[in-house]
Amino acid sequence: MLSDISASRRKFLLTAVLALPTMGVFVNTLSAAEAAEMAAPDLKTYRPAFFSAEEWAFMLAACDRLIPADGRGPGALETNVPVFIDQQMHGDFGREIYLQGPFNTQAPKELGYQLPYTPQQIYQRGIKLTDAYCRQKYHKRFSELDAATQDVVLKALQDNDIHFADGGESALKASQFFGEMISDSKNGYLSDPMYGGNKGMKAWIAIGFPGARASFLEWVSQHNVKYPLGPVSLNGLRA
């Protein structure tokens, strides 16, 4: 009962923050955008809705290497990419997909999705098989490896140099698991913050994306002029 009350209180507070006007509104000296970033989950205290504790440790480590913080922009952990993936897997995207056979896992990619698994199952099986490979080769789980070795493992997944069939998996290939992770990581990095990722619109700021601005009429006739305004989210928050 107490957890339900806490969840309802958090939902109310987040809704109230997102309902703030987008200009000129401050809460205890914080702008609406800054307040919204504070309301976003903190990775240190976030409790995943779908992933188990071991799977969550894997996702944190994998996302950190797929979009590292030492690049030109913010990293996956700074922008809550793992939160985006967890919430997507917990929702309809993770469990609802057309799964009426027959399946031809050897079919060319042009013929579309051929796996007999939901996205949830791809992650669960892929993480389990990758961790098994790491324990056999390095005597540690993926999340316990140093960054350089994690990069080697991810590259092996991408190149199908890790053979899931050796672990009893007949349908899912390592590259398909890697493809799911990198695709979802990109989506979480560049999505609207309302979906759990791109915290504070940091990724949009880094690439100069204006977000969901409704009108650009005043800029139509201005050529070779750098757009000076920051991005706007679907909820109307400005960064």
C-alpha atoms as a PDB file:
ATOM      1  CA  MET A   1       0.000   0.000   0.000  1.00  0.00           C
ATOM      2  CA  LEU A   2       2.803   2.383   0.929  1.00  0.00           C
ATOM      3  CA  SER A   3       4.601   1.715  -2.381  1.00  0.00           C
ATOM      4  CA  ASP A   4       1.385   2.505  -4.271  1.00  0.00           C
ATOM      5  CA  ILE A   5       1.126   5.835  -2.471  1.00  0.00           C
ATOM      6  CA  SER A   6       4.766   6.637  -3.255  1.00  0.00           C
ATOM      7  CA  ALA A   7       4.285   5.742  -6.911  1.00  0.00           C
ATOM      8  CA  SER A   8       1.161   7.900  -7.099  1.00  0.00           C
ATOM      9  CA  ARG A   9       2.957  10.811  -5.435  1.00  0.00           C
ATOM     10  CA  ARG A  10       5.890  10.524  -7.871  1.00  0.00           C
ATOM     11  CA  LYS A  11       3.481  10.388 -10.825  1.00  0.00           C
ATOM     12  CA  PHE A  12       1.652  13.470  -9.558  1.00  0.00           C
ATOM     13  CA  LEU A  13       4.879  15.417  -9.053  1.00  0.00           C
ATOM     14  CA  LEU A  14       6.227  14.459 -12.480  1.00  0.00           C
ATOM     15  CA  THR A  15       2.935  15.397 -14.144  1.00  0.00           C
ATOM     16  CA  ALA A  16       2.955  18.725 -12.334  1.00  0.00           C
ATOM     17  CA  VAL A  17       6.506  19.448 -13.469  1.00  0.00           C
ATOM     18  CA  LEU A  18       5.758  18.563 -17.075  1.00  0.00           C
ATOM     19  CA  ALA A  19       2.689  20.796 -17.000  1.00  0.00           C
ATOM     20  CA  LEU A  20       4.756  23.880 -16.193  1.00  0.00           C
ATOM     21  CA  PRO A  21       4.752  26.638 -18.817  1.00  0.00           C
ATOM     22  CA  THR A  22       7.773  26.412 -21.040  1.00  0.00           C
ATOM     23  CA  MET A  23       9.062  29.957 -20.607  1.00  0.00           C
ATOM     24  CA  GLY A  24       9.679  32.110 -17.606  1.00  0.00           C
ATOM     25  CA  VAL A  25       8.631  29.556 -14.986  1.00  0.00           C
ATOM     26  CA  PHE A  26      10.978  28.653 -12.183  1.00  0.00           C
ATOM     27  CA  VAL A  27      10.619  26.272  -9.239  1.00  0.00           C
ATOM     28  CA  ASN A  28      12.962  27.165  -6.396  1.00  0.00           C
ATOM     29  CA  THR A  29      15.224  28.921  -8.952  1.00  0.00           C
ATOM     30  CA  LEU A  30      15.052  25.924 -11.343  1.00  0.00           C
ATOM     31  CA  SER A  31      13.724  26.319 -14.873  1.00  0.00           C
ATOM     32  CA  ALA A  32      11.034  23.923 -16.088  1.00  0.00           C
ATOM     33  CA  ALA A  33      13.605  21.992 -18.143  1.00  0.00           C
ATOM     34  CA  GLU A  34      15.959  21.671 -15.161  1.00  0.00           C
ATOM     35  CA  ALA A  35      13.098  20.543 -12.933  1.00  0.00           C
ATOM     36  CA  ALA A  36      12.072  17.933 -15.506  1.00  0.00           C
ATOM     37  CA  GLU A  37      15.624  16.561 -15.623  1.00  0.00           C
ATOM     38  CA  MET A  38      15.622  16.205 -11.847  1.00  0.00           C
ATOM     39  CA  ALA A  39      12.305  14.345 -12.048  1.00  0.00           C
ATOM     40  CA  ALA A  40      13.786  11.837 -14.520  1.00  0.00           C
ATOM     41  CA  PRO A  41      15.011   8.595 -12.944  1.00  0.00           C
ATOM     42  CA  ASP A  42      18.477   8.466 -11.417  1.00  0.00           C
ATOM     43  CA  LEU A  43      20.342   5.388 -12.651  1.00  0.00           C
ATOM     44  CA  LYS A  44      21.814   4.824  -9.198  1.00  0.00           C
ATOM     45  CA  THR A  45      18.385   4.396  -7.617  1.00  0.00           C
ATOM     46  CA  TYR A  46      16.282   3.304 -10.606  1.00  0.00           C
ATOM     47  CA  ARG A  47      14.632  -0.086 -10.200  1.00  0.00           C
ATOM     48  CA  PRO A  48      14.146  -1.786 -13.572  1.00  0.00           C
ATOM     49  CA  ALA A  49      10.624  -2.848 -14.446  1.00  0.00           C
ATOM     50  CA  PHE A  50      11.660  -5.656 -16.793  1.00  0.00           C
ATOM     51  CA  PHE A  51      15.314  -6.635 -16.388  1.00  0.00           C
ATOM     52  CA  SER A  52      16.520  -8.753 -13.475  1.00  0.00           C
ATOM     53  CA  ALA A  53      19.385  -7.477 -11.328  1.00  0.00           C
ATOM     54  CA  GLU A  54      22.004  -9.418 -13.344  1.00  0.00           C
ATOM     55  CA  GLU A  55      20.425  -8.397 -16.657  1.00  0.00           C
ATOM     56  CA  TRP A  56      20.342  -4.763 -15.527  1.00  0.00           C
ATOM     57  CA  ALA A  57      24.063  -4.862 -14.668  1.00  0.00           C
ATOM     58  CA  PHE A  58      24.698  -6.207 -18.177  1.00  0.00           C
ATOM     59  CA  MET A  59      22.599  -3.467 -19.790  1.00  0.00           C
ATOM     60  CA  LEU A  60      24.326  -0.690 -17.869  1.00  0.00           C
ATOM     61  CA  ALA A  61      27.729  -1.971 -18.920  1.00  0.00           C
ATOM     62  CA  ALA A  62      26.741  -2.639 -22.547  1.00  0.00           C
ATOM     63  CA  CYS A  63      25.048   0.724 -23.075  1.00  0.00           C
ATOM     64  CA  ASP A  64      28.020   2.496 -21.539  1.00  0.00           C
ATOM     65  CA  ARG A  65      30.302   0.921 -24.158  1.00  0.00           C
ATOM     66  CA  LEU A  66      27.897   1.283 -27.097  1.00  0.00           C
ATOM     67  CA  ILE A  67      27.577   5.045 -26.469  1.00  0.00           C
ATOM     68  CA  PRO A  68      30.503   5.967 -24.210  1.00  0.00           C
ATOM     69  CA  ALA A  69      30.719   9.217 -22.294  1.00  0.00           C
ATOM     70  CA  ASP A  70      34.154  10.027 -23.721  1.00  0.00           C
ATOM     71  CA  GLY A  71      32.757  10.807 -27.163  1.00  0.00           C
ATOM     72  CA  ARG A  72      31.755  14.162 -28.650  1.00  0.00           C
ATOM     73  CA  GLY A  73      28.434  14.144 -26.817  1.00  0.00           C
ATOM     74  CA  PRO A  74      26.975  12.742 -23.594  1.00  0.00           C
ATOM     75  CA  GLY A  75      27.076   9.000 -23.016  1.00  0.00           C
ATOM     76  CA  ALA A  76      24.270   6.472 -22.754  1.00  0.00           C
ATOM     77  CA  LEU A  77      24.321   6.478 -18.963  1.00  0.00           C
ATOM     78  CA  GLU A  78      24.158  10.279 -18.799  1.00  0.00           C
ATOM     79  CA  THR A  79      21.059  10.210 -20.990  1.00  0.00           C
ATOM     80  CA  ASN A  80      19.250   7.271 -19.329  1.00  0.00           C
ATOM     81  CA  VAL A  81      19.408   5.007 -22.377  1.00  0.00           C
ATOM     82  CA  PRO A  82      19.135   1.845 -20.222  1.00  0.00           C
ATOM     83  CA  VAL A  83      15.965   3.272 -18.648  1.00  0.00           C
ATOM     84  CA  PHE A  84      14.473   3.763 -22.115  1.00  0.00           C
ATOM     85  CA  ILE A  85      15.214   0.151 -23.080  1.00  0.00           C
ATOM     86  CA  ASP A  86      13.881  -1.212 -19.788  1.00  0.00           C
ATOM     87  CA  GLN A  87      10.632   0.708 -20.146  1.00  0.00           C
ATOM     88  CA  GLN A  88      10.249  -0.355 -23.780  1.00  0.00           C
ATOM     89  CA  MET A  89      10.766  -4.002 -22.853  1.00  0.00           C
ATOM     90  CA  HIS A  90       8.287  -3.682 -20.002  1.00  0.00           C
ATOM     91  CA  GLY A  91       5.697  -2.185 -22.350  1.00  0.00           C
ATOM     92  CA  ASP A  92       3.871  -3.409 -25.426  1.00  0.00           C
ATOM     93  CA  PHE A  93       6.934  -3.080 -27.661  1.00  0.00           C
ATOM     94  CA  GLY A  94       8.760  -5.725 -25.666  1.00  0.00           C
ATOM     95  CA  ARG A  95       6.083  -8.381 -25.628  1.00  0.00           C
ATOM     96  CA  GLU A  96       3.743  -7.807 -28.556  1.00  0.00           C
ATOM     97  CA  ILE A  97       4.997  -8.830 -31.987  1.00  0.00           C
ATOM     98  CA  TYR A  98       3.641 -10.999 -34.762  1.00  0.00           C
ATOM     99  CA  LEU A  99       4.836 -14.511 -33.954  1.00  0.00           C
ATOM    100  CA  GLN A 100       2.833 -16.803 -36.207  1.00  0.00           C
ATOM    101  CA  GLY A 101       5.158 -19.187 -38.018  1.00  0.00           C
ATOM    102  CA  PRO A 102       6.593 -20.652 -40.050  1.00  0.00           C
ATOM    103  CA  PHE A 103       9.931 -18.983 -39.289  1.00  0.00           C
ATOM    104  CA  ASN A 104      12.941 -19.135 -41.564  1.00  0.00           C
ATOM    105  CA  THR A 105      15.935 -17.952 -39.586  1.00  0.00           C
ATOM    106  CA  GLN A 106      18.137 -18.381 -42.664  1.00  0.00           C
ATOM    107  CA  ALA A 107      16.021 -16.051 -44.813  1.00  0.00           C
ATOM    108  CA  PRO A 108      17.655 -12.850 -46.149  1.00  0.00           C
ATOM    109  CA  LYS A 109      17.025  -9.741 -44.052  1.00  0.00           C
ATOM    110  CA  GLU A 110      14.947  -8.235 -46.863  1.00  0.00           C
ATOM    111  CA  LEU A 111      12.183 -10.686 -45.919  1.00  0.00           C
ATOM    112  CA  GLY A 112      11.776  -9.073 -42.519  1.00  0.00           C
ATOM    113  CA  TYR A 113      11.555 -10.412 -38.987  1.00  0.00           C
ATOM    114  CA  GLN A 114      12.010 -14.184 -38.856  1.00  0.00           C
ATOM    115  CA  LEU A 115      12.787 -14.897 -35.201  1.00  0.00           C
ATOM    116  CA  PRO A 116      10.336 -16.879 -33.064  1.00  0.00           C
ATOM    117  CA  TYR A 117      11.048 -14.525 -30.119  1.00  0.00           C
ATOM    118  CA  THR A 118       9.664 -11.296 -28.754  1.00  0.00           C
ATOM    119  CA  PRO A 119      12.131  -8.460 -28.063  1.00  0.00           C
ATOM    120  CA  GLN A 120      11.914  -9.416 -24.370  1.00  0.00           C
ATOM    121  CA  GLN A 121      13.060 -12.934 -25.172  1.00  0.00           C
ATOM    122  CA  ILE A 122      15.873 -11.689 -27.409  1.00  0.00           C
ATOM    123  CA  TYR A 123      17.333  -9.723 -24.506  1.00  0.00           C
ATOM    124  CA  GLN A 124      16.850 -12.479 -21.955  1.00  0.00           C
ATOM    125  CA  ARG A 125      18.437 -15.133 -24.164  1.00  0.00           C
ATOM    126  CA  GLY A 126      21.155 -12.861 -25.531  1.00  0.00           C
ATOM    127  CA  ILE A 127      22.290 -11.657 -22.122  1.00  0.00           C
ATOM    128  CA  LYS A 128      22.302 -15.191 -20.698  1.00  0.00           C
ATOM    129  CA  LEU A 129      24.325 -16.586 -23.605  1.00  0.00           C
ATOM    130  CA  THR A 130      26.785 -13.672 -23.643  1.00  0.00           C
ATOM    131  CA  ASP A 131      27.380 -13.931 -19.915  1.00  0.00           C
ATOM    132  CA  ALA A 132      27.924 -17.687 -20.294  1.00  0.00           C
ATOM    133  CA  TYR A 133      30.527 -16.996 -22.995  1.00  0.00           C
ATOM    134  CA  CYS A 134      32.279 -14.416 -20.778  1.00  0.00           C
ATOM    135  CA  ARG A 135      32.359 -16.757 -17.790  1.00  0.00           C
ATOM    136  CA  GLN A 136      33.861 -19.513 -19.956  1.00  0.00           C
ATOM    137  CA  LYS A 137      36.460 -17.295 -21.622  1.00  0.00           C
ATOM    138  CA  TYR A 138      37.211 -14.685 -18.947  1.00  0.00           C
ATOM    139  CA  HIS A 139      35.787 -16.292 -15.780  1.00  0.00           C
ATOM    140  CA  LYS A 140      33.658 -13.199 -15.187  1.00  0.00           C
ATOM    141  CA  ARG A 141      30.266 -11.875 -16.214  1.00  0.00           C
ATOM    142  CA  PHE A 142      30.213  -9.233 -18.937  1.00  0.00           C
ATOM    143  CA  SER A 143      29.438  -6.479 -16.421  1.00  0.00           C
ATOM    144  CA  GLU A 144      32.535  -7.428 -14.399  1.00  0.00           C
ATOM    145  CA  LEU A 145      34.976  -7.094 -17.307  1.00  0.00           C
ATOM    146  CA  ASP A 146      37.106  -4.020 -17.909  1.00  0.00           C
ATOM    147  CA  ALA A 147      35.981  -1.617 -20.641  1.00  0.00           C
ATOM    148  CA  ALA A 148      38.515  -2.795 -23.224  1.00  0.00           C
ATOM    149  CA  THR A 149      37.460  -6.432 -22.856  1.00  0.00           C
ATOM    150  CA  GLN A 150      33.798  -5.454 -22.991  1.00  0.00           C
ATOM    151  CA  ASP A 151      34.511  -3.777 -26.328  1.00  0.00           C
ATOM    152  CA  VAL A 152      36.109  -6.993 -27.592  1.00  0.00           C
ATOM    153  CA  VAL A 153      33.045  -9.002 -26.559  1.00  0.00           C
ATOM    154  CA  LEU A 154      30.629  -6.553 -28.179  1.00  0.00           C
ATOM    155  CA  LYS A 155      32.641  -6.649 -31.407  1.00  0.00           C
ATOM    156  CA  ALA A 156      32.543 -10.452 -31.289  1.00  0.00           C
ATOM    157  CA  LEU A 157      28.761 -10.309 -30.919  1.00  0.00           C
ATOM    158  CA  GLN A 158      28.491  -7.943 -33.871  1.00  0.00           C
ATOM    159  CA  ASP A 159      30.675 -10.171 -36.064  1.00  0.00           C
ATOM    160  CA  ASN A 160      28.991 -13.437 -34.991  1.00  0.00           C
ATOM    161  CA  ASP A 161      32.293 -14.623 -33.554  1.00  0.00           C
ATOM    162  CA  ILE A 162      30.353 -15.749 -30.482  1.00  0.00           C
ATOM    163  CA  HIS A 163      28.357 -18.817 -31.453  1.00  0.00           C
ATOM    164  CA  PHE A 164      25.091 -18.940 -29.550  1.00  0.00           C
ATOM    165  CA  ALA A 165      24.473 -22.376 -31.068  1.00  0.00           C
ATOM    166  CA  ASP A 166      27.252 -23.698 -28.812  1.00  0.00           C
ATOM    167  CA  GLY A 167      25.035 -22.766 -25.885  1.00  0.00           C
ATOM    168  CA  GLY A 168      22.030 -24.575 -27.287  1.00  0.00           C
ATOM    169  CA  GLU A 169      20.417 -21.599 -29.070  1.00  0.00           C
ATOM    170  CA  SER A 170      19.277 -22.631 -32.543  1.00  0.00           C
ATOM    171  CA  ALA A 171      17.409 -19.506 -33.694  1.00  0.00           C
ATOM    172  CA  LEU A 172      19.055 -16.372 -32.281  1.00  0.00           C
ATOM    173  CA  LYS A 173      22.456 -15.286 -33.601  1.00  0.00           C
ATOM    174  CA  ALA A 174      24.889 -13.111 -31.678  1.00  0.00           C
ATOM    175  CA  SER A 175      24.721 -10.399 -34.344  1.00  0.00           C
ATOM    176  CA  GLN A 176      20.929 -10.258 -34.050  1.00  0.00           C
ATOM    177  CA  PHE A 177      21.180  -9.702 -30.313  1.00  0.00           C
ATOM    178  CA  PHE A 178      23.812  -7.028 -30.865  1.00  0.00           C
ATOM    179  CA  GLY A 179      21.642  -5.414 -33.549  1.00  0.00           C
ATOM    180  CA  GLU A 180      18.702  -5.238 -31.157  1.00  0.00           C
ATOM    181  CA  MET A 181      20.853  -3.602 -28.481  1.00  0.00           C
ATOM    182  CA  ILE A 182      22.487  -1.027 -30.735  1.00  0.00           C
ATOM    183  CA  SER A 183      19.192  -0.118 -32.404  1.00  0.00           C
ATOM    184  CA  ASP A 184      17.371   0.333 -29.092  1.00  0.00           C
ATOM    185  CA  SER A 185      20.328   2.277 -27.673  1.00  0.00           C
ATOM    186  CA  LYS A 186      20.241   4.710 -30.599  1.00  0.00           C
ATOM    187  CA  ASN A 187      16.484   5.105 -30.215  1.00  0.00           C
ATOM    188  CA  GLY A 188      16.814   5.765 -26.488  1.00  0.00           C
ATOM    189  CA  TYR A 189      19.631   8.240 -27.040  1.00  0.00           C
ATOM    190  CA  LEU A 190      17.747  10.303 -29.620  1.00  0.00           C
ATOM    191  CA  SER A 191      14.138   9.814 -28.493  1.00  0.00           C
ATOM    192  CA  ASP A 192      11.936  12.392 -26.842  1.00  0.00           C
ATOM    193  CA  PRO A 193      12.582  12.427 -23.073  1.00  0.00           C
ATOM    194  CA  MET A 194       8.977  11.416 -22.389  1.00  0.00           C
ATOM    195  CA  TYR A 195       9.970   7.850 -23.313  1.00  0.00           C
ATOM    196  CA  GLY A 196      12.637   7.580 -20.617  1.00  0.00           C
ATOM    197  CA  GLY A 197      15.831   8.305 -22.554  1.00  0.00           C
ATOM    198  CA  ASN A 198      17.636  11.428 -23.784  1.00  0.00           C
ATOM    199  CA  LYS A 199      17.576  12.828 -20.252  1.00  0.00           C
ATOM    200  CA  GLY A 200      17.612  16.606 -20.255  1.00  0.00           C
ATOM    201  CA  MET A 201      17.570  16.526 -24.070  1.00  0.00           C
ATOM    202  CA  LYS A 202      21.370  16.292 -23.829  1.00  0.00           C
ATOM    203  CA  ALA A 203      21.695  14.284 -27.044  1.00  0.00           C
ATOM    204  CA  TRP A 204      19.575  16.798 -28.974  1.00  0.00           C
ATOM    205  CA  ILE A 205      21.689  19.649 -27.621  1.00  0.00           C
ATOM    206  CA  ALA A 206      24.875  17.853 -28.696  1.00  0.00           C
ATOM    207  CA  ILE A 207      23.731  17.415 -32.306  1.00  0.00           C
ATOM    208  CA  GLY A 208      21.851  20.712 -32.581  1.00  0.00           C
ATOM    209  CA  PHE A 209      18.453  19.093 -33.118  1.00  0.00           C
ATOM    210  CA  PRO A 210      15.557  21.534 -32.475  1.00  0.00           C
ATOM    211  CA  GLY A 211      13.184  18.858 -31.223  1.00  0.00           C
ATOM    212  CA  ALA A 212       9.442  19.295 -31.516  1.00  0.00           C
ATOM    213  CA  ARG A 213       9.262  23.008 -32.284  1.00  0.00           C
ATOM    214  CA  ALA A 214       5.940  23.740 -33.941  1.00  0.00           C
ATOM    215  CA  SER A 215       6.953  26.621 -36.186  1.00  0.00           C
ATOM    216  CA  PHE A 216      10.046  27.731 -38.085  1.00  0.00           C
ATOM    217  CA  LEU A 217       8.407  30.443 -40.208  1.00  0.00           C
ATOM    218  CA  GLU A 218      10.792  33.147 -39.054  1.00  0.00           C
ATOM    219  CA  TRP A 219      13.757  31.061 -40.257  1.00  0.00           C
ATOM    220  CA  VAL A 220      12.528  30.070 -43.713  1.00  0.00           C
ATOM    221  CA  SER A 221      14.111  33.060 -45.452  1.00  0.00           C
ATOM    222  CA  GLN A 222      17.302  33.118 -43.372  1.00  0.00           C
ATOM    223  CA  HIS A 223      20.011  31.245 -45.225  1.00  0.00           C
ATOM    224  CA  ASN A 224      23.428  30.236 -43.868  1.00  0.00           C
ATOM    225  CA  VAL A 225      22.413  31.379 -40.391  1.00  0.00           C
ATOM    226  CA  LYS A 226      23.019  29.032 -37.498  1.00  0.00           C
ATOM    227  CA  TYR A 227      19.804  28.160 -35.665  1.00  0.00           C
ATOM    228  CA  PRO A 228      20.344  29.609 -32.176  1.00  0.00           C
ATOM    229  CA  LEU A 229      17.464  28.104 -30.166  1.00  0.00           C
ATOM    230  CA  GLY A 230      17.678  24.972 -28.043  1.00  0.00           C
ATOM    231  CA  PRO A 231      15.452  21.911 -28.462  1.00  0.00           C
ATOM    232  CA  VAL A 232      11.874  21.547 -27.251  1.00  0.00           C
ATOM    233  CA  SER A 233      10.357  18.271 -26.100  1.00  0.00           C
ATOM    234  CA  LEU A 234       6.900  16.953 -26.959  1.00  0.00           C
ATOM    235  CA  ASN A 235       5.799  18.092 -23.507  1.00  0.00           C
ATOM    236  CA  GLY A 236       6.864  21.632 -24.325  1.00  0.00           C
ATOM    237  CA  LEU A 237       9.976  21.719 -22.136  1.00  0.00           C
ATOM    238  CA  ARG A 238      12.919  23.726 -23.414  1.00  0.00           C
ATOM    239  CA  ALA A 239      16.583  22.858 -23.023  1.00  0.00           C
END
